[in-house]
C-alpha atoms as a PDB file:
ATOM      1  CA  MET A   1      35.742 -92.065 151.251  1.00  0.00           C
ATOM      2  CA  GLY A   2      38.710 -91.048 149.124  1.00  0.00           C
ATOM      3  CA  LYS A   3      40.655 -93.315 146.804  1.00  0.00           C
ATOM      4  CA  LEU A   4      44.267 -94.374 147.182  1.00  0.00           C
ATOM      5  CA  PHE A   5      46.400 -94.422 144.045  1.00  0.00           C
ATOM      6  CA  ILE A   6      49.966 -95.707 144.111  1.00  0.00           C
ATOM      7  CA  ARG A   7      52.843 -94.801 141.839  1.00  0.00           C
ATOM      8  CA  VAL A   8      56.364 -96.192 141.822  1.00  0.00           C
ATOM      9  CA  ASP A   9      58.688 -93.496 140.506  1.00  0.00           C
ATOM     10  CA  ASP A  10      62.253 -93.029 141.676  1.00  0.00           C
ATOM     11  CA  ARG A  11      61.914 -89.258 141.240  1.00  0.00           C
ATOM     12  CA  LEU A  12      59.034 -89.124 143.755  1.00  0.00           C
ATOM     13  CA  ILE A  13      57.361 -85.682 143.429  1.00  0.00           C
ATOM     14  CA  HIS A  14      58.196 -83.953 140.136  1.00  0.00           C
ATOM     15  CA  GLY A  15      56.599 -82.144 137.202  1.00  0.00           C
ATOM     16  CA  GLN A  16      54.830 -85.146 135.634  1.00  0.00           C
ATOM     17  CA  THR A  17      53.295 -85.940 138.987  1.00  0.00           C
ATOM     18  CA  LEU A  18      51.922 -82.431 139.432  1.00  0.00           C
ATOM     19  CA  ILE A  19      50.959 -81.612 135.847  1.00  0.00           C
ATOM     20  CA  ALA A  20      49.684 -84.961 134.570  1.00  0.00           C
ATOM     21  CA  TRP A  21      48.889 -87.495 137.287  1.00  0.00           C
ATOM     22  CA  CYS A  22      47.378 -85.354 140.026  1.00  0.00           C
ATOM     23  CA  PRO A  23      44.765 -83.608 137.859  1.00  0.00           C
ATOM     24  CA  THR A  24      43.871 -86.834 136.024  1.00  0.00           C
ATOM     25  CA  LEU A  25      43.328 -88.749 139.258  1.00  0.00           C
ATOM     26  CA  LYS A  26      41.764 -85.771 141.051  1.00  0.00           C
ATOM     27  CA  ILE A  27      44.407 -86.014 143.762  1.00  0.00           C
ATOM     28  CA  GLN A  28      44.081 -83.917 146.916  1.00  0.00           C
ATOM     29  CA  GLU A  29      46.974 -85.331 148.936  1.00  0.00           C
ATOM     30  CA  ILE A  30      50.440 -86.492 147.854  1.00  0.00           C
ATOM     31  CA  ILE A  31      52.401 -88.796 150.130  1.00  0.00           C
ATOM     32  CA  ALA A  32      56.000 -89.359 149.025  1.00  0.00           C
ATOM     33  CA  VAL A  33      57.586 -92.226 150.921  1.00  0.00           C
ATOM     34  CA  ASP A  34      61.350 -92.272 151.318  1.00  0.00           C
ATOM     35  CA  ASP A  35      63.169 -92.737 154.612  1.00  0.00           C
ATOM     36  CA  VAL A  36      66.260 -90.796 153.476  1.00  0.00           C
ATOM     37  CA  SER A  37      64.359 -87.775 152.130  1.00  0.00           C
ATOM     38  CA  ALA A  38      61.938 -87.731 155.065  1.00  0.00           C
ATOM     39  CA  LYS A  39      64.828 -87.422 157.511  1.00  0.00           C
ATOM     40  CA  ASN A  40      66.495 -84.581 155.604  1.00  0.00           C
ATOM     41  CA  ALA A  41      64.780 -81.192 156.025  1.00  0.00           C
ATOM     42  CA  MET A  42      66.431 -79.729 152.930  1.00  0.00           C
ATOM     43  CA  LEU A  43      65.390 -82.630 150.658  1.00  0.00           C
ATOM     44  CA  LYS A  44      61.846 -82.464 152.005  1.00  0.00           C
ATOM     45  CA  SER A  45      61.724 -78.735 151.339  1.00  0.00           C
ATOM     46  CA  ILE A  46      63.111 -79.069 147.804  1.00  0.00           C
ATOM     47  CA  MET A  47      60.655 -81.839 146.998  1.00  0.00           C
ATOM     48  CA  THR A  48      57.574 -79.999 148.261  1.00  0.00           C
ATOM     49  CA  MET A  49      58.376 -76.363 147.383  1.00  0.00           C
ATOM     50  CA  SER A  50      56.962 -76.603 143.855  1.00  0.00           C
ATOM     51  CA  VAL A  51      53.774 -78.381 144.905  1.00  0.00           C
ATOM     52  CA  PRO A  52      50.710 -76.149 144.410  1.00  0.00           C
ATOM     53  CA  LYS A  53      48.698 -75.379 147.522  1.00  0.00           C
ATOM     54  CA  ASP A  54      45.804 -77.397 146.036  1.00  0.00           C
ATOM     55  CA  TYR A  55      47.610 -80.518 147.193  1.00  0.00           C
ATOM     56  CA  ASN A  56      48.474 -81.456 150.734  1.00  0.00           C
ATOM     57  CA  ALA A  57      51.986 -82.853 150.160  1.00  0.00           C
ATOM     58  CA  SER A  58      54.229 -84.649 152.596  1.00  0.00           C
ATOM     59  CA  VAL A  59      57.467 -86.605 152.495  1.00  0.00           C
ATOM     60  CA  VAL A  60      57.391 -89.371 155.074  1.00  0.00           C
ATOM     61  CA  THR A  61      59.197 -92.481 156.259  1.00  0.00           C
ATOM     62  CA  ILE A  62      57.762 -95.940 155.675  1.00  0.00           C
ATOM     63  CA  MET A  63      56.552 -96.030 159.293  1.00  0.00           C
ATOM     64  CA  GLU A  64      54.903 -92.609 158.984  1.00  0.00           C
ATOM     65  CA  ALA A  65      53.233 -93.729 155.752  1.00  0.00           C
ATOM     66  CA  LYS A  66      51.911 -96.805 157.510  1.00  0.00           C
ATOM     67  CA  GLU A  67      50.385 -94.614 160.228  1.00  0.00           C
ATOM     68  CA  LYS A  68      48.886 -92.167 157.696  1.00  0.00           C
ATOM     69  CA  LEU A  69      47.356 -94.963 155.642  1.00  0.00           C
ATOM     70  CA  GLN A  70      45.781 -96.615 158.663  1.00  0.00           C
ATOM     71  CA  LYS A  71      43.625 -93.517 159.107  1.00  0.00           C
ATOM     72  CA  GLU A  72      40.621 -93.200 156.828  1.00  0.00           C
ATOM     73  CA  SER A  73      40.607 -90.241 154.486  1.00  0.00           C
ATOM     74  CA  THR A  74      37.953 -88.518 152.433  1.00  0.00           C
ATOM     75  CA  ARG A  75      40.663 -87.245 150.067  1.00  0.00           C
ATOM     76  CA  ASN A  76      41.996 -88.868 146.924  1.00  0.00           C
ATOM     77  CA  ARG A  77      45.592 -89.656 147.801  1.00  0.00           C
ATOM     78  CA  LEU A  78      48.607 -90.428 145.646  1.00  0.00           C
ATOM     79  CA  LEU A  79      51.235 -92.488 147.424  1.00  0.00           C
ATOM     80  CA  ILE A  80      54.619 -92.466 145.676  1.00  0.00           C
ATOM     81  CA  VAL A  81      57.530 -94.772 146.451  1.00  0.00           C
ATOM     82  CA  LYS A  82      60.889 -95.177 144.727  1.00  0.00           C
ATOM     83  CA  TYR A  83      60.870 -98.978 144.445  1.00  0.00           C
ATOM     84  CA  PRO A  84      58.252-101.755 144.414  1.00  0.00           C
ATOM     85  CA  THR A  85      59.964-103.499 147.333  1.00  0.00           C
ATOM     86  CA  GLN A  86      58.981-100.623 149.633  1.00  0.00           C
ATOM     87  CA  LEU A  87      55.321-101.456 149.086  1.00  0.00           C
ATOM     88  CA  LEU A  88      55.695-104.807 150.829  1.00  0.00           C
ATOM     89  CA  GLU A  89      56.328-102.979 154.099  1.00  0.00           C
ATOM     90  CA  ILE A  90      52.922-101.271 153.836  1.00  0.00           C
ATOM     91  CA  LYS A  91      51.079-104.034 151.997  1.00  0.00           C
ATOM     92  CA  ASP A  92      48.310-104.351 154.596  1.00  0.00           C
ATOM     93  CA  GLU A  93      47.640-100.611 154.395  1.00  0.00           C
ATOM     94  CA  ILE A  94      47.452-100.506 150.568  1.00  0.00           C
ATOM     95  CA  ILE A  95      45.489-103.681 149.892  1.00  0.00           C
ATOM     96  CA  ASN A  96      42.372-101.699 148.894  1.00  0.00           C
ATOM     97  CA  CYS A  97      44.173 -99.227 146.653  1.00  0.00           C
ATOM     98  CA  ASP A  98      43.036 -98.439 143.110  1.00  0.00           C
ATOM     99  CA  GLY A  99      46.116-100.163 141.734  1.00  0.00           C
ATOM    100  CA  ILE A 100      49.812 -99.555 141.318  1.00  0.00           C
ATOM    101  CA  VAL A 101      51.271 -97.697 138.357  1.00  0.00           C
ATOM    102  CA  LEU A 102      54.952 -98.264 137.742  1.00  0.00           C
ATOM    103  CA  GLY A 103      56.651 -95.149 136.443  1.00  0.00           C
ATOM    104  CA  ASN A 104      60.263 -94.159 135.974  1.00  0.00           C
ATOM    105  CA  MET A 105      62.771 -96.479 137.602  1.00  0.00           C
ATOM    106  CA  ALA A 106      66.327 -95.784 136.508  1.00  0.00           C
ATOM    107  CA  LYS A 107      69.023 -98.384 135.974  1.00  0.00           C
ATOM    108  CA  ARG A 108      70.652 -99.590 139.183  1.00  0.00           C
ATOM    109  CA  GLU A 109      73.402-102.147 139.800  1.00  0.00           C
ATOM    110  CA  ASP A 110      70.878-104.865 140.614  1.00  0.00           C
ATOM    111  CA  THR A 111      68.373-104.215 137.793  1.00  0.00           C
ATOM    112  CA  PRO A 112      68.770-106.711 134.952  1.00  0.00           C
ATOM    113  CA  TYR A 113      65.197-106.397 133.683  1.00  0.00           C
ATOM    114  CA  ASN A 114      64.085-103.615 131.342  1.00  0.00           C
ATOM    115  CA  LEU A 115      60.630-103.320 129.872  1.00  0.00           C
ATOM    116  CA  SER A 116      61.349-103.499 126.153  1.00  0.00           C
ATOM    117  CA  GLY A 117      60.192-100.509 124.163  1.00  0.00           C
ATOM    118  CA  ALA A 118      59.932 -98.336 127.244  1.00  0.00           C
ATOM    119  CA  GLN A 119      62.849 -96.076 126.331  1.00  0.00           C
ATOM    120  CA  GLU A 120      64.945 -97.520 129.158  1.00  0.00           C
ATOM    121  CA  MET A 121      62.795 -96.087 131.945  1.00  0.00           C
ATOM    122  CA  TYR A 122      61.574 -99.229 133.655  1.00  0.00           C
ATOM    123  CA  TYR A 123      64.417-101.187 135.243  1.00  0.00           C
ATOM    124  CA  LEU A 124      63.625-103.866 137.799  1.00  0.00           C
ATOM    125  CA  SER A 125      65.680-106.039 140.133  1.00  0.00           C
ATOM    126  CA  ASP A 126      64.893-109.628 141.082  1.00  0.00           C
ATOM    127  CA  ASP A 127      63.582-108.292 144.409  1.00  0.00           C
ATOM    128  CA  ASP A 128      61.348-105.791 142.568  1.00  0.00           C
ATOM    129  CA  VAL A 129      59.900-108.600 140.447  1.00  0.00           C
ATOM    130  CA  LYS A 130      59.249-110.745 143.525  1.00  0.00           C
ATOM    131  CA  ALA A 131      57.613-107.805 145.293  1.00  0.00           C
ATOM    132  CA  ILE A 132      55.325-107.112 142.335  1.00  0.00           C
ATOM    133  CA  ASP A 133      54.407-110.792 142.060  1.00  0.00           C
ATOM    134  CA  ASN A 134      53.575-110.736 145.780  1.00  0.00           C
ATOM    135  CA  LEU A 135      51.355-107.653 145.354  1.00  0.00           C
ATOM    136  CA  ILE A 136      49.608-109.243 142.342  1.00  0.00           C
ATOM    137  CA  GLU A 137      48.971-112.404 144.380  1.00  0.00           C
ATOM    138  CA  ALA A 138      47.368-110.178 147.027  1.00  0.00           C
ATOM    139  CA  GLY A 139      44.908-108.957 144.384  1.00  0.00           C
ATOM    140  CA  ILE A 140      46.445-105.556 143.614  1.00  0.00           C
ATOM    141  CA  SER A 141      46.641-104.605 139.945  1.00  0.00           C
ATOM    142  CA  VAL A 142      50.030-103.474 138.643  1.00  0.00           C
ATOM    143  CA  LYS A 143      50.752-101.778 135.330  1.00  0.00           C
ATOM    144  CA  PHE A 144      53.446 -99.687 133.658  1.00  0.00           C
ATOM    145  CA  GLN A 145      52.535 -96.230 132.401  1.00  0.00           C
ATOM    146  CA  GLN A 146      54.731 -93.155 132.114  1.00  0.00           C
ATOM    147  CA  LEU A 147      51.903 -90.618 131.723  1.00  0.00           C
ATOM    148  CA  PRO A 148      48.118 -90.949 131.895  1.00  0.00           C
ATOM    149  CA  THR A 149      48.031 -90.444 128.109  1.00  0.00           C
ATOM    150  CA  SER A 150      50.835 -92.898 127.263  1.00  0.00           C
ATOM    151  CA  LYS A 151      50.660 -96.589 126.457  1.00  0.00           C
ATOM    152  CA  LEU A 152      49.582 -98.838 129.291  1.00  0.00           C
ATOM    153  CA  THR A 153      51.367-102.181 129.756  1.00  0.00           C
ATOM    154  CA  GLU A 154      49.946-104.707 132.176  1.00  0.00           C
ATOM    155  CA  TRP A 155      52.380-106.443 134.520  1.00  0.00           C
ATOM    156  CA  GLU A 156      51.445-109.849 133.105  1.00  0.00           C
ATOM    157  CA  SER A 157      52.782-108.844 129.660  1.00  0.00           C
ATOM    158  CA  PHE A 158      56.138-107.836 131.085  1.00  0.00           C
ATOM    159  CA  ARG A 159      56.310-110.809 133.445  1.00  0.00           C
ATOM    160  CA  LYS A 160      56.129-113.214 130.483  1.00  0.00           C
ATOM    161  CA  SER A 161      59.315-111.711 129.044  1.00  0.00           C
ATOM    162  CA  ILE A 162      61.398-112.520 132.133  1.00  0.00           C
END
């Protein structure tokens, strides 16, 4: 059976995903989850056009992701969402994942929290923090890491600073 890796990155599929994360995690399938992009043929095309044929890539809605994840897979899959809150909608389907890695999350109106020393790349809202706490309580590990070779920060370390 394949493994499920989860990344939160507001850019979804991009160069770091393809060059660094996918080879490191031996990914065979990329599932980008975003209702807006999934419903826009041009956005879907732009997002997947640079993905090498080695990876089965799709851009799906939350409901489509739920359906995909309910089916067993022999492939290593990378599920990417823009925000931690989206993961609560598919929590039952990701409970046995290999953990959640928080990546780039740009500043938004409702994001007062910034991981210090992270070069302003990890901004979280109160709802994001609650969602992550909920996922941690469910037994899912959560950490911050920009690239597989960069510094790893456990959620607990950041949580103490809030």
